[in-house]
Amino acid sequence: MIENIIKQDITDKEKIDKLLELDCNLYTNLGTDSTKTEKQEVKRMSKKIYRAIQTINEPIGKSLLQAIDK
């Protein structure tokens, strides 16, 4: 999914927007009944998304990666 967004023939801003939308959907689907494993998996996927964003726009990606590690 991430790779498909990166390869699309759209602007960098649109790619970042779609990647952040994907990230948002991951967290939206978590609930109070989510297991620790599910939460860790979402965080792992977020890191992948943020690394993909970093390939498009390094400062934004770096900032997101730093924020998730805090």
N, C-alpha and C. Protein backbone atom coordinates (compact mmCIF):
# COMPACT_ATOMS: atom_id res chain seq x y z
N MET A 1 0.83 -1.19 0.00
CA MET A 1 0.00 0.00 0.00
C MET A 1 0.87 1.26 0.00
N ILE A 2 1.86 1.29 0.87
CA ILE A 2 2.76 2.45 0.96
C ILE A 2 3.49 2.64 -0.36
N GLU A 3 4.00 1.54 -0.91
CA GLU A 3 4.75 1.61 -2.16
C GLU A 3 3.88 2.11 -3.31
N ASN A 4 2.61 1.68 -3.30
CA ASN A 4 1.69 2.12 -4.35
C ASN A 4 1.49 3.63 -4.31
N ILE A 5 1.39 4.18 -3.14
CA ILE A 5 1.21 5.63 -2.99
C ILE A 5 2.46 6.35 -3.48
N ILE A 6 3.63 5.84 -3.09
CA ILE A 6 4.90 6.47 -3.47
C ILE A 6 5.06 6.49 -4.99
N LYS A 7 4.61 5.44 -5.67
CA LYS A 7 4.79 5.32 -7.11
C LYS A 7 3.77 6.10 -7.93
N GLN A 8 2.70 6.58 -7.30
CA GLN A 8 1.67 7.30 -8.04
C GLN A 8 2.22 8.56 -8.68
N ASP A 9 1.63 8.93 -9.79
CA ASP A 9 2.04 10.12 -10.52
C ASP A 9 1.22 11.32 -10.02
N ILE A 10 1.50 11.70 -8.77
CA ILE A 10 0.84 12.84 -8.13
C ILE A 10 1.92 13.68 -7.45
N THR A 11 1.54 14.85 -6.98
CA THR A 11 2.52 15.73 -6.34
C THR A 11 3.01 15.12 -5.03
N ASP A 12 4.16 15.59 -4.59
CA ASP A 12 4.72 15.13 -3.32
C ASP A 12 3.75 15.43 -2.17
N LYS A 13 3.12 16.59 -2.20
CA LYS A 13 2.17 16.95 -1.15
C LYS A 13 1.01 15.96 -1.10
N GLU A 14 0.51 15.57 -2.27
CA GLU A 14 -0.59 14.61 -2.32
C GLU A 14 -0.14 13.24 -1.81
N LYS A 15 1.08 12.85 -2.12
CA LYS A 15 1.61 11.58 -1.61
C LYS A 15 1.68 11.60 -0.08
N ILE A 16 2.21 12.70 0.45
CA ILE A 16 2.32 12.82 1.91
C ILE A 16 0.94 12.82 2.54
N ASP A 17 -0.01 13.53 1.94
CA ASP A 17 -1.38 13.56 2.45
C ASP A 17 -1.99 12.17 2.49
N LYS A 18 -1.79 11.40 1.42
CA LYS A 18 -2.35 10.04 1.38
C LYS A 18 -1.68 9.13 2.41
N LEU A 19 -0.38 9.28 2.58
CA LEU A 19 0.33 8.47 3.58
C LEU A 19 -0.14 8.82 4.99
N LEU A 20 -0.33 10.10 5.26
CA LEU A 20 -0.82 10.51 6.59
C LEU A 20 -2.26 10.06 6.81
N GLU A 21 -3.05 10.04 5.74
CA GLU A 21 -4.42 9.54 5.85
C GLU A 21 -4.42 8.05 6.20
N LEU A 22 -3.52 7.31 5.57
CA LEU A 22 -3.38 5.89 5.88
C LEU A 22 -2.99 5.70 7.35
N ASP A 23 -2.03 6.50 7.81
CA ASP A 23 -1.60 6.45 9.21
C ASP A 23 -2.77 6.76 10.15
N CYS A 24 -3.52 7.77 9.81
CA CYS A 24 -4.68 8.17 10.62
C CYS A 24 -5.69 7.02 10.71
N ASN A 25 -5.94 6.36 9.59
CA ASN A 25 -6.89 5.25 9.59
C ASN A 25 -6.43 4.10 10.48
N LEU A 26 -5.13 3.86 10.51
CA LEU A 26 -4.61 2.81 11.38
C LEU A 26 -4.94 3.11 12.84
N TYR A 27 -4.68 4.35 13.26
CA TYR A 27 -4.92 4.71 14.65
C TYR A 27 -6.42 4.81 14.96
N THR A 28 -7.21 5.20 13.97
CA THR A 28 -8.66 5.30 14.16
C THR A 28 -9.27 3.93 14.43
N ASN A 29 -8.69 2.91 13.81
CA ASN A 29 -9.23 1.56 13.99
C ASN A 29 -8.82 0.92 15.30
N LEU A 30 -7.91 1.53 16.04
CA LEU A 30 -7.57 1.04 17.37
C LEU A 30 -8.65 1.47 18.34
N GLY A 31 -8.92 0.64 19.30
CA GLY A 31 -9.91 0.98 20.31
C GLY A 31 -9.44 0.59 21.69
N THR A 32 -10.27 0.81 22.66
CA THR A 32 -9.90 0.45 24.03
C THR A 32 -9.74 -1.05 24.20
N ASP A 33 -10.34 -1.81 23.29
CA ASP A 33 -10.24 -3.27 23.37
C ASP A 33 -9.08 -3.83 22.55
N SER A 34 -8.28 -2.96 21.95
CA SER A 34 -7.14 -3.41 21.16
C SER A 34 -6.06 -3.99 22.07
N THR A 35 -5.45 -5.06 21.59
CA THR A 35 -4.40 -5.71 22.37
C THR A 35 -3.10 -4.92 22.24
N LYS A 36 -2.18 -5.23 23.13
CA LYS A 36 -0.86 -4.58 23.10
C LYS A 36 -0.16 -4.89 21.78
N THR A 37 -0.33 -6.10 21.29
CA THR A 37 0.28 -6.51 20.02
C THR A 37 -0.28 -5.67 18.86
N GLU A 38 -1.59 -5.46 18.85
CA GLU A 38 -2.20 -4.64 17.80
C GLU A 38 -1.67 -3.20 17.85
N LYS A 39 -1.52 -2.67 19.04
CA LYS A 39 -1.01 -1.31 19.19
C LYS A 39 0.44 -1.21 18.72
N GLN A 40 1.24 -2.24 19.03
CA GLN A 40 2.64 -2.26 18.59
C GLN A 40 2.72 -2.37 17.07
N GLU A 41 1.82 -3.14 16.48
CA GLU A 41 1.80 -3.30 15.02
C GLU A 41 1.47 -1.97 14.33
N VAL A 42 0.52 -1.23 14.88
CA VAL A 42 0.16 0.07 14.32
C VAL A 42 1.35 1.03 14.43
N LYS A 43 2.04 1.01 15.55
CA LYS A 43 3.20 1.89 15.71
C LYS A 43 4.30 1.50 14.71
N ARG A 44 4.48 0.21 14.49
CA ARG A 44 5.47 -0.27 13.53
C ARG A 44 5.11 0.19 12.11
N MET A 45 3.83 0.11 11.77
CA MET A 45 3.38 0.56 10.45
C MET A 45 3.55 2.07 10.31
N SER A 46 3.30 2.81 11.39
CA SER A 46 3.48 4.26 11.36
C SER A 46 4.93 4.61 11.05
N LYS A 47 5.84 3.89 11.66
CA LYS A 47 7.26 4.14 11.38
C LYS A 47 7.59 3.90 9.92
N LYS A 48 7.01 2.86 9.33
CA LYS A 48 7.22 2.60 7.90
C LYS A 48 6.67 3.76 7.06
N ILE A 49 5.50 4.22 7.43
CA ILE A 49 4.88 5.33 6.72
C ILE A 49 5.74 6.58 6.84
N TYR A 50 6.23 6.85 8.04
CA TYR A 50 7.05 8.05 8.25
C TYR A 50 8.38 7.96 7.52
N ARG A 51 8.93 6.74 7.41
CA ARG A 51 10.17 6.58 6.64
C ARG A 51 9.90 6.83 5.16
N ALA A 52 8.73 6.41 4.68
CA ALA A 52 8.36 6.67 3.29
C ALA A 52 8.21 8.17 3.06
N ILE A 53 7.60 8.85 4.02
CA ILE A 53 7.46 10.30 3.93
C ILE A 53 8.84 10.95 3.92
N GLN A 54 9.75 10.41 4.68
CA GLN A 54 11.10 10.95 4.75
C GLN A 54 11.80 10.87 3.39
N THR A 55 11.47 9.87 2.59
CA THR A 55 12.06 9.77 1.25
C THR A 55 11.52 10.86 0.32
N ILE A 56 10.33 11.36 0.63
CA ILE A 56 9.71 12.41 -0.18
C ILE A 56 10.15 13.78 0.32
N ASN A 57 10.08 13.96 1.65
CA ASN A 57 10.43 15.23 2.27
C ASN A 57 11.16 14.92 3.57
N GLU A 58 12.47 15.00 3.54
CA GLU A 58 13.28 14.57 4.68
C GLU A 58 12.96 15.30 5.99
N PRO A 59 12.84 16.62 6.01
CA PRO A 59 12.55 17.29 7.29
C PRO A 59 11.23 16.86 7.93
N ILE A 60 10.20 16.71 7.12
CA ILE A 60 8.90 16.29 7.67
C ILE A 60 8.99 14.86 8.19
N GLY A 61 9.57 13.97 7.41
CA GLY A 61 9.70 12.58 7.83
C GLY A 61 10.52 12.43 9.09
N LYS A 62 11.62 13.17 9.16
CA LYS A 62 12.49 13.12 10.33
C LYS A 62 11.74 13.60 11.58
N SER A 63 10.99 14.67 11.41
CA SER A 63 10.21 15.22 12.52
C SER A 63 9.17 14.21 13.02
N LEU A 64 8.48 13.55 12.10
CA LEU A 64 7.47 12.56 12.48
C LEU A 64 8.12 11.38 13.20
N LEU A 65 9.26 10.92 12.70
CA LEU A 65 9.95 9.80 13.34
C LEU A 65 10.42 10.15 14.75
N GLN A 66 10.90 11.38 14.93
CA GLN A 66 11.33 11.81 16.25
C GLN A 66 10.13 11.87 17.20
N ALA A 67 9.00 12.34 16.70
CA ALA A 67 7.81 12.46 17.55
C ALA A 67 7.27 11.12 18.00
N ILE A 68 7.33 10.12 17.13
CA ILE A 68 6.77 8.81 17.48
C ILE A 68 7.66 8.10 18.50
N ASP A 69 8.93 8.44 18.55
CA ASP A 69 9.85 7.79 19.49
C ASP A 69 9.84 8.42 20.88
N LYS A 70 9.12 9.50 21.04
CA LYS A 70 9.08 10.16 22.36
C LYS A 70 8.07 9.51 23.26
